[in-house]
Amino acid sequence: MLAELIDLAAEAGIEVRQLDRSADPAPLQSGVCRVEERVFVVLIGAEPLQDRIDALAGALREHASEWLESRFLPPAVRERIERAPPPR
């Protein structure tokens, strides 16, 4: 699911960065940020897989919903995006 969402984000123009911060003592969370017109999703490798999927699915729903409407998505992927929590 994560790989599918990363591919969709790239196609939609959302830049995904994956960070392995397992040695960092500060608790970090995956999240979304916008810099001018560019949208970035930062995925923290030490976070549980479901948290990273939530962050990416929420970003797609929030920032690429119109683009997604015109795309065929496997039902499980579309459902996952639709029920994602709001991006952090």
PDB file of N, CA and C in Angstrom:
ATOM      1  N   MET A   1       0.836  -1.195   0.000  1.00  0.00           N
ATOM      2  CA  MET A   1       0.000   0.000   0.000  1.00  0.00           C
ATOM      3  C   MET A   1       0.878   1.256   0.000  1.00  0.00           C
ATOM      4  N   LEU A   2       1.926   1.258   0.829  1.00  0.00           N
ATOM      5  CA  LEU A   2       2.789   2.434   0.902  1.00  0.00           C
ATOM      6  C   LEU A   2       3.432   2.725  -0.451  1.00  0.00           C
ATOM      7  N   ALA A   3       3.948   1.701  -1.101  1.00  0.00           N
ATOM      8  CA  ALA A   3       4.588   1.895  -2.411  1.00  0.00           C
ATOM      9  C   ALA A   3       3.599   2.445  -3.433  1.00  0.00           C
ATOM     10  N   GLU A   4       2.378   1.934  -3.416  1.00  0.00           N
ATOM     11  CA  GLU A   4       1.332   2.410  -4.334  1.00  0.00           C
ATOM     12  C   GLU A   4       1.039   3.891  -4.086  1.00  0.00           C
ATOM     13  N   LEU A   5       0.941   4.276  -2.818  1.00  0.00           N
ATOM     14  CA  LEU A   5       0.654   5.673  -2.479  1.00  0.00           C
ATOM     15  C   LEU A   5       1.823   6.590  -2.837  1.00  0.00           C
ATOM     16  N   ILE A   6       3.042   6.113  -2.665  1.00  0.00           N
ATOM     17  CA  ILE A   6       4.217   6.906  -3.048  1.00  0.00           C
ATOM     18  C   ILE A   6       4.204   7.150  -4.555  1.00  0.00           C
ATOM     19  N   ASP A   7       3.900   6.127  -5.334  1.00  0.00           N
ATOM     20  CA  ASP A   7       3.827   6.288  -6.795  1.00  0.00           C
ATOM     21  C   ASP A   7       2.727   7.282  -7.185  1.00  0.00           C
ATOM     22  N   LEU A   8       1.563   7.164  -6.553  1.00  0.00           N
ATOM     23  CA  LEU A   8       0.465   8.095  -6.833  1.00  0.00           C
ATOM     24  C   LEU A   8       0.860   9.530  -6.493  1.00  0.00           C
ATOM     25  N   ALA A   9       1.495   9.707  -5.355  1.00  0.00           N
ATOM     26  CA  ALA A   9       1.921  11.049  -4.943  1.00  0.00           C
ATOM     27  C   ALA A   9       2.872  11.647  -5.977  1.00  0.00           C
ATOM     28  N   ALA A  10       3.823  10.862  -6.435  1.00  0.00           N
ATOM     29  CA  ALA A  10       4.769  11.357  -7.447  1.00  0.00           C
ATOM     30  C   ALA A  10       4.037  11.776  -8.717  1.00  0.00           C
ATOM     31  N   GLU A  11       3.089  10.960  -9.159  1.00  0.00           N
ATOM     32  CA  GLU A  11       2.310  11.297 -10.356  1.00  0.00           C
ATOM     33  C   GLU A  11       1.488  12.561 -10.151  1.00  0.00           C
ATOM     34  N   ALA A  12       1.031  12.783  -8.929  1.00  0.00           N
ATOM     35  CA  ALA A  12       0.194  13.953  -8.622  1.00  0.00           C
ATOM     36  C   ALA A  12       1.029  15.205  -8.360  1.00  0.00           C
ATOM     37  N   GLY A  13       2.347  15.076  -8.357  1.00  0.00           N
ATOM     38  CA  GLY A  13       3.203  16.241  -8.127  1.00  0.00           C
ATOM     39  C   GLY A  13       3.497  16.502  -6.663  1.00  0.00           C
ATOM     40  N   ILE A  14       3.214  15.547  -5.797  1.00  0.00           N
ATOM     41  CA  ILE A  14       3.538  15.672  -4.377  1.00  0.00           C
ATOM     42  C   ILE A  14       4.891  15.000  -4.170  1.00  0.00           C
ATOM     43  N   GLU A  15       5.814  15.742  -3.587  1.00  0.00           N
ATOM     44  CA  GLU A  15       7.153  15.214  -3.381  1.00  0.00           C
ATOM     45  C   GLU A  15       7.218  14.471  -2.054  1.00  0.00           C
ATOM     46  N   VAL A  16       7.723  13.247  -2.105  1.00  0.00           N
ATOM     47  CA  VAL A  16       7.815  12.408  -0.907  1.00  0.00           C
ATOM     48  C   VAL A  16       9.281  12.257  -0.527  1.00  0.00           C
ATOM     49  N   ARG A  17       9.564  12.525   0.734  1.00  0.00           N
ATOM     50  CA  ARG A  17      10.911  12.341   1.287  1.00  0.00           C
ATOM     51  C   ARG A  17      10.807  11.324   2.411  1.00  0.00           C
ATOM     52  N   GLN A  18      11.687  10.342   2.386  1.00  0.00           N
ATOM     53  CA  GLN A  18      11.704   9.339   3.437  1.00  0.00           C
ATOM     54  C   GLN A  18      12.973   9.515   4.252  1.00  0.00           C
ATOM     55  N   LEU A  19      12.808   9.652   5.555  1.00  0.00           N
ATOM     56  CA  LEU A  19      13.937   9.860   6.451  1.00  0.00           C
ATOM     57  C   LEU A  19      14.061   8.697   7.412  1.00  0.00           C
ATOM     58  N   ASP A  20      15.275   8.207   7.563  1.00  0.00           N
ATOM     59  CA  ASP A  20      15.527   7.174   8.562  1.00  0.00           C
ATOM     60  C   ASP A  20      16.165   7.870   9.752  1.00  0.00           C
ATOM     61  N   ARG A  21      15.355   8.188  10.716  1.00  0.00           N
ATOM     62  CA  ARG A  21      15.826   8.931  11.891  1.00  0.00           C
ATOM     63  C   ARG A  21      15.777   8.054  13.138  1.00  0.00           C
ATOM     64  N   SER A  22      16.035   6.771  12.976  1.00  0.00           N
ATOM     65  CA  SER A  22      15.907   5.848  14.101  1.00  0.00           C
ATOM     66  C   SER A  22      16.895   6.158  15.217  1.00  0.00           C
ATOM     67  N   ALA A  23      18.030   6.775  14.896  1.00  0.00           N
ATOM     68  CA  ALA A  23      19.017   7.101  15.926  1.00  0.00           C
ATOM     69  C   ALA A  23      18.721   8.436  16.607  1.00  0.00           C
ATOM     70  N   ASP A  24      17.782   9.193  16.082  1.00  0.00           N
ATOM     71  CA  ASP A  24      17.453  10.512  16.629  1.00  0.00           C
ATOM     72  C   ASP A  24      16.597  10.335  17.880  1.00  0.00           C
ATOM     73  N   PRO A  25      17.024  10.897  19.022  1.00  0.00           N
ATOM     74  CA  PRO A  25      16.237  10.721  20.251  1.00  0.00           C
ATOM     75  C   PRO A  25      14.923  11.516  20.260  1.00  0.00           C
ATOM     76  N   ALA A  26      14.826  12.532  19.426  1.00  0.00           N
ATOM     77  CA  ALA A  26      13.603  13.341  19.400  1.00  0.00           C
ATOM     78  C   ALA A  26      12.504  12.569  18.677  1.00  0.00           C
ATOM     79  N   PRO A  27      11.300  12.508  19.252  1.00  0.00           N
ATOM     80  CA  PRO A  27      10.204  11.828  18.556  1.00  0.00           C
ATOM     81  C   PRO A  27       9.749  12.649  17.356  1.00  0.00           C
ATOM     82  N   LEU A  28       9.768  12.044  16.207  1.00  0.00           N
ATOM     83  CA  LEU A  28       9.356  12.718  14.979  1.00  0.00           C
ATOM     84  C   LEU A  28       8.147  12.013  14.408  1.00  0.00           C
ATOM     85  N   GLN A  29       7.324  12.775  13.676  1.00  0.00           N
ATOM     86  CA  GLN A  29       6.144  12.217  13.035  1.00  0.00           C
ATOM     87  C   GLN A  29       6.172  12.518  11.547  1.00  0.00           C
ATOM     88  N   SER A  30       5.671  11.579  10.777  1.00  0.00           N
ATOM     89  CA  SER A  30       5.494  11.833   9.353  1.00  0.00           C
ATOM     90  C   SER A  30       4.461  12.937   9.201  1.00  0.00           C
ATOM     91  N   GLY A  31       4.604  13.738   8.150  1.00  0.00           N
ATOM     92  CA  GLY A  31       3.655  14.821   7.964  1.00  0.00           C
ATOM     93  C   GLY A  31       3.781  15.488   6.611  1.00  0.00           C
ATOM     94  N   VAL A  32       2.972  16.518   6.427  1.00  0.00           N
ATOM     95  CA  VAL A  32       2.869  17.236   5.158  1.00  0.00           C
ATOM     96  C   VAL A  32       3.252  18.686   5.377  1.00  0.00           C
ATOM     97  N   CYS A  33       3.930  19.256   4.406  1.00  0.00           N
ATOM     98  CA  CYS A  33       4.179  20.696   4.455  1.00  0.00           C
ATOM     99  C   CYS A  33       4.062  21.256   3.040  1.00  0.00           C
ATOM    100  N   ARG A  34       3.766  22.526   2.986  1.00  0.00           N
ATOM    101  CA  ARG A  34       3.632  23.214   1.706  1.00  0.00           C
ATOM    102  C   ARG A  34       4.625  24.371   1.707  1.00  0.00           C
ATOM    103  N   VAL A  35       5.385  24.473   0.633  1.00  0.00           N
ATOM    104  CA  VAL A  35       6.315  25.574   0.438  1.00  0.00           C
ATOM    105  C   VAL A  35       5.917  26.218  -0.880  1.00  0.00           C
ATOM    106  N   GLU A  36       5.329  27.405  -0.775  1.00  0.00           N
ATOM    107  CA  GLU A  36       4.737  28.085  -1.916  1.00  0.00           C
ATOM    108  C   GLU A  36       3.736  27.141  -2.575  1.00  0.00           C
ATOM    109  N   GLU A  37       3.955  26.735  -3.812  1.00  0.00           N
ATOM    110  CA  GLU A  37       3.001  25.860  -4.500  1.00  0.00           C
ATOM    111  C   GLU A  37       3.371  24.382  -4.402  1.00  0.00           C
ATOM    112  N   ARG A  38       4.514  24.066  -3.813  1.00  0.00           N
ATOM    113  CA  ARG A  38       4.980  22.681  -3.735  1.00  0.00           C
ATOM    114  C   ARG A  38       4.496  22.026  -2.446  1.00  0.00           C
ATOM    115  N   VAL A  39       4.056  20.782  -2.565  1.00  0.00           N
ATOM    116  CA  VAL A  39       3.602  20.003  -1.411  1.00  0.00           C
ATOM    117  C   VAL A  39       4.602  18.876  -1.192  1.00  0.00           C
ATOM    118  N   PHE A  40       5.032  18.731   0.052  1.00  0.00           N
ATOM    119  CA  PHE A  40       5.976  17.697   0.446  1.00  0.00           C
ATOM    120  C   PHE A  40       5.340  16.809   1.506  1.00  0.00           C
ATOM    121  N   VAL A  41       5.633  15.528   1.444  1.00  0.00           N
ATOM    122  CA  VAL A  41       5.284  14.598   2.510  1.00  0.00           C
ATOM    123  C   VAL A  41       6.603  14.031   3.015  1.00  0.00           C
ATOM    124  N   VAL A  42       6.819  14.155   4.307  1.00  0.00           N
ATOM    125  CA  VAL A  42       8.019  13.610   4.931  1.00  0.00           C
ATOM    126  C   VAL A  42       7.595  12.375   5.713  1.00  0.00           C
ATOM    127  N   LEU A  43       8.169  11.239   5.340  1.00  0.00           N
ATOM    128  CA  LEU A  43       7.860   9.975   6.003  1.00  0.00           C
ATOM    129  C   LEU A  43       9.040   9.593   6.888  1.00  0.00           C
ATOM    130  N   ILE A  44       8.774   9.371   8.160  1.00  0.00           N
ATOM    131  CA  ILE A  44       9.808   9.000   9.120  1.00  0.00           C
ATOM    132  C   ILE A  44       9.866   7.474   9.200  1.00  0.00           C
ATOM    133  N   GLY A  45      10.978   6.901   8.809  1.00  0.00           N
ATOM    134  CA  GLY A  45      11.119   5.454   8.735  1.00  0.00           C
ATOM    135  C   GLY A  45      10.924   4.732  10.057  1.00  0.00           C
ATOM    136  N   ALA A  46      11.187   5.396  11.176  1.00  0.00           N
ATOM    137  CA  ALA A  46      11.038   4.755  12.486  1.00  0.00           C
ATOM    138  C   ALA A  46       9.584   4.668  12.934  1.00  0.00           C
ATOM    139  N   GLU A  47       8.701   5.380  12.254  1.00  0.00           N
ATOM    140  CA  GLU A  47       7.272   5.340  12.611  1.00  0.00           C
ATOM    141  C   GLU A  47       6.643   4.032  12.142  1.00  0.00           C
ATOM    142  N   PRO A  48       5.573   3.600  12.786  1.00  0.00           N
ATOM    143  CA  PRO A  48       4.862   2.412  12.300  1.00  0.00           C
ATOM    144  C   PRO A  48       4.373   2.630  10.856  1.00  0.00           C
ATOM    145  N   LEU A  49       4.331   1.548  10.113  1.00  0.00           N
ATOM    146  CA  LEU A  49       3.914   1.599   8.713  1.00  0.00           C
ATOM    147  C   LEU A  49       2.556   2.275   8.555  1.00  0.00           C
ATOM    148  N   GLN A  50       1.595   1.962   9.403  1.00  0.00           N
ATOM    149  CA  GLN A  50       0.257   2.544   9.285  1.00  0.00           C
ATOM    150  C   GLN A  50       0.283   4.064   9.445  1.00  0.00           C
ATOM    151  N   ASP A  51       1.157   4.594  10.281  1.00  0.00           N
ATOM    152  CA  ASP A  51       1.266   6.043  10.444  1.00  0.00           C
ATOM    153  C   ASP A  51       1.802   6.698   9.176  1.00  0.00           C
ATOM    154  N   ARG A  52       2.760   6.046   8.534  1.00  0.00           N
ATOM    155  CA  ARG A  52       3.296   6.591   7.277  1.00  0.00           C
ATOM    156  C   ARG A  52       2.244   6.524   6.174  1.00  0.00           C
ATOM    157  N   ILE A  53       1.493   5.425   6.131  1.00  0.00           N
ATOM    158  CA  ILE A  53       0.413   5.301   5.150  1.00  0.00           C
ATOM    159  C   ILE A  53      -0.645   6.370   5.407  1.00  0.00           C
ATOM    160  N   ASP A  54      -1.017   6.596   6.671  1.00  0.00           N
ATOM    161  CA  ASP A  54      -1.997   7.634   7.016  1.00  0.00           C
ATOM    162  C   ASP A  54      -1.539   9.007   6.530  1.00  0.00           C
ATOM    163  N   ALA A  55      -0.271   9.334   6.773  1.00  0.00           N
ATOM    164  CA  ALA A  55       0.246  10.653   6.376  1.00  0.00           C
ATOM    165  C   ALA A  55       0.158  10.828   4.864  1.00  0.00           C
ATOM    166  N   LEU A  56       0.553   9.825   4.125  1.00  0.00           N
ATOM    167  CA  LEU A  56       0.564   9.925   2.667  1.00  0.00           C
ATOM    168  C   LEU A  56      -0.846   9.914   2.089  1.00  0.00           C
ATOM    169  N   ALA A  57      -1.702   9.047   2.603  1.00  0.00           N
ATOM    170  CA  ALA A  57      -3.087   8.995   2.123  1.00  0.00           C
ATOM    171  C   ALA A  57      -3.810  10.304   2.428  1.00  0.00           C
ATOM    172  N   GLY A  58      -3.577  10.864   3.609  1.00  0.00           N
ATOM    173  CA  GLY A  58      -4.189  12.145   3.968  1.00  0.00           C
ATOM    174  C   GLY A  58      -3.718  13.272   3.070  1.00  0.00           C
ATOM    175  N   ALA A  59      -2.438  13.268   2.734  1.00  0.00           N
ATOM    176  CA  ALA A  59      -1.895  14.296   1.832  1.00  0.00           C
ATOM    177  C   ALA A  59      -2.522  14.187   0.450  1.00  0.00           C
ATOM    178  N   LEU A  60      -2.674  12.977  -0.038  1.00  0.00           N
ATOM    179  CA  LEU A  60      -3.307  12.792  -1.346  1.00  0.00           C
ATOM    180  C   LEU A  60      -4.748  13.271  -1.321  1.00  0.00           C
ATOM    181  N   ARG A  61      -5.479  12.919  -0.278  1.00  0.00           N
ATOM    182  CA  ARG A  61      -6.882  13.350  -0.182  1.00  0.00           C
ATOM    183  C   ARG A  61      -6.979  14.870  -0.097  1.00  0.00           C
ATOM    184  N   GLU A  62      -6.103  15.466   0.660  1.00  0.00           N
ATOM    185  CA  GLU A  62      -6.160  16.918   0.894  1.00  0.00           C
ATOM    186  C   GLU A  62      -5.643  17.731  -0.294  1.00  0.00           C
ATOM    187  N   HIS A  63      -4.581  17.267  -0.939  1.00  0.00           N
ATOM    188  CA  HIS A  63      -3.896  18.092  -1.940  1.00  0.00           C
ATOM    189  C   HIS A  63      -4.016  17.601  -3.375  1.00  0.00           C
ATOM    190  N   ALA A  64      -4.633  16.434  -3.593  1.00  0.00           N
ATOM    191  CA  ALA A  64      -4.722  15.918  -4.958  1.00  0.00           C
ATOM    192  C   ALA A  64      -6.079  15.282  -5.232  1.00  0.00           C
ATOM    193  N   SER A  65      -7.102  15.680  -4.506  1.00  0.00           N
ATOM    194  CA  SER A  65      -8.408  15.018  -4.650  1.00  0.00           C
ATOM    195  C   SER A  65      -8.978  15.165  -6.060  1.00  0.00           C
ATOM    196  N   GLU A  66      -8.871  16.334  -6.655  1.00  0.00           N
ATOM    197  CA  GLU A  66      -9.388  16.514  -8.020  1.00  0.00           C
ATOM    198  C   GLU A  66      -8.641  15.624  -9.002  1.00  0.00           C
ATOM    199  N   TRP A  67      -7.334  15.562  -8.860  1.00  0.00           N
ATOM    200  CA  TRP A  67      -6.514  14.732  -9.739  1.00  0.00           C
ATOM    201  C   TRP A  67      -6.902  13.266  -9.576  1.00  0.00           C
ATOM    202  N   LEU A  68      -7.139  12.835  -8.339  1.00  0.00           N
ATOM    203  CA  LEU A  68      -7.490  11.445  -8.070  1.00  0.00           C
ATOM    204  C   LEU A  68      -8.845  11.055  -8.658  1.00  0.00           C
ATOM    205  N   GLU A  69      -9.767  12.013  -8.742  1.00  0.00           N
ATOM    206  CA  GLU A  69     -11.100  11.715  -9.283  1.00  0.00           C
ATOM    207  C   GLU A  69     -11.039  11.210 -10.714  1.00  0.00           C
ATOM    208  N   SER A  70     -10.054  11.665 -11.469  1.00  0.00           N
ATOM    209  CA  SER A  70      -9.962  11.284 -12.874  1.00  0.00           C
ATOM    210  C   SER A  70      -9.117  10.032 -13.096  1.00  0.00           C
ATOM    211  N   ARG A  71      -8.651   9.418 -12.030  1.00  0.00           N
ATOM    212  CA  ARG A  71      -7.776   8.252 -12.123  1.00  0.00           C
ATOM    213  C   ARG A  71      -8.495   6.979 -11.694  1.00  0.00           C
ATOM    214  N   PHE A  72      -8.137   5.879 -12.368  1.00  0.00           N
ATOM    215  CA  PHE A  72      -8.599   4.594 -11.863  1.00  0.00           C
ATOM    216  C   PHE A  72      -7.665   4.191 -10.733  1.00  0.00           C
ATOM    217  N   LEU A  73      -8.233   3.845  -9.600  1.00  0.00           N
ATOM    218  CA  LEU A  73      -7.458   3.342  -8.470  1.00  0.00           C
ATOM    219  C   LEU A  73      -8.064   2.014  -8.036  1.00  0.00           C
ATOM    220  N   PRO A  74      -7.228   1.081  -7.648  1.00  0.00           N
ATOM    221  CA  PRO A  74      -7.785  -0.137  -7.079  1.00  0.00           C
ATOM    222  C   PRO A  74      -8.698   0.233  -5.906  1.00  0.00           C
ATOM    223  N   PRO A  75      -9.805  -0.466  -5.752  1.00  0.00           N
ATOM    224  CA  PRO A  75     -10.761  -0.110  -4.696  1.00  0.00           C
ATOM    225  C   PRO A  75     -10.135   0.014  -3.301  1.00  0.00           C
ATOM    226  N   ALA A  76      -9.208  -0.861  -2.962  1.00  0.00           N
ATOM    227  CA  ALA A  76      -8.588  -0.797  -1.634  1.00  0.00           C
ATOM    228  C   ALA A  76      -7.785   0.491  -1.463  1.00  0.00           C
ATOM    229  N   VAL A  77      -7.125   0.942  -2.518  1.00  0.00           N
ATOM    230  CA  VAL A  77      -6.334   2.174  -2.445  1.00  0.00           C
ATOM    231  C   VAL A  77      -7.265   3.380  -2.321  1.00  0.00           C
ATOM    232  N   ARG A  78      -8.306   3.423  -3.145  1.00  0.00           N
ATOM    233  CA  ARG A  78      -9.255   4.540  -3.075  1.00  0.00           C
ATOM    234  C   ARG A  78      -9.899   4.615  -1.690  1.00  0.00           C
ATOM    235  N   GLU A  79     -10.299   3.467  -1.160  1.00  0.00           N
ATOM    236  CA  GLU A  79     -10.917   3.447   0.169  1.00  0.00           C
ATOM    237  C   GLU A  79      -9.946   3.932   1.240  1.00  0.00           C
ATOM    238  N   ARG A  80      -8.700   3.522   1.128  1.00  0.00           N
ATOM    239  CA  ARG A  80      -7.685   3.934   2.117  1.00  0.00           C
ATOM    240  C   ARG A  80      -7.484   5.444   2.101  1.00  0.00           C
ATOM    241  N   ILE A  81      -7.477   6.030   0.913  1.00  0.00           N
ATOM    242  CA  ILE A  81      -7.322   7.484   0.796  1.00  0.00           C
ATOM    243  C   ILE A  81      -8.550   8.185   1.363  1.00  0.00           C
ATOM    244  N   GLU A  82      -9.721   7.673   1.045  1.00  0.00           N
ATOM    245  CA  GLU A  82     -10.960   8.320   1.504  1.00  0.00           C
ATOM    246  C   GLU A  82     -11.121   8.285   3.024  1.00  0.00           C
ATOM    247  N   ARG A  83     -10.586   7.256   3.677  1.00  0.00           N
ATOM    248  CA  ARG A  83     -10.763   7.183   5.140  1.00  0.00           C
ATOM    249  C   ARG A  83      -9.531   7.637   5.913  1.00  0.00           C
ATOM    250  N   ALA A  84      -8.588   8.246   5.232  1.00  0.00           N
ATOM    251  CA  ALA A  84      -7.364   8.722   5.898  1.00  0.00           C
ATOM    252  C   ALA A  84      -7.682   9.885   6.821  1.00  0.00           C
ATOM    253  N   PRO A  85      -6.980   9.970   7.948  1.00  0.00           N
ATOM    254  CA  PRO A  85      -7.155  11.119   8.827  1.00  0.00           C
ATOM    255  C   PRO A  85      -6.581  12.369   8.151  1.00  0.00           C
ATOM    256  N   PRO A  86      -6.979  13.546   8.625  1.00  0.00           N
ATOM    257  CA  PRO A  86      -6.416  14.781   8.051  1.00  0.00           C
ATOM    258  C   PRO A  86      -4.895  14.788   8.193  1.00  0.00           C
ATOM    259  N   PRO A  87      -4.191  15.377   7.230  1.00  0.00           N
ATOM    260  CA  PRO A  87      -2.731  15.415   7.304  1.00  0.00           C
ATOM    261  C   PRO A  87      -2.255  16.214   8.520  1.00  0.00           C
ATOM    262  N   ARG A  88      -1.096  15.800   9.017  1.00  0.00           N
ATOM    263  CA  ARG A  88      -0.484  16.509  10.156  1.00  0.00           C
ATOM    264  C   ARG A  88       0.437  17.577   9.655  1.00  0.00           C
TER     265      ARG A  88
END
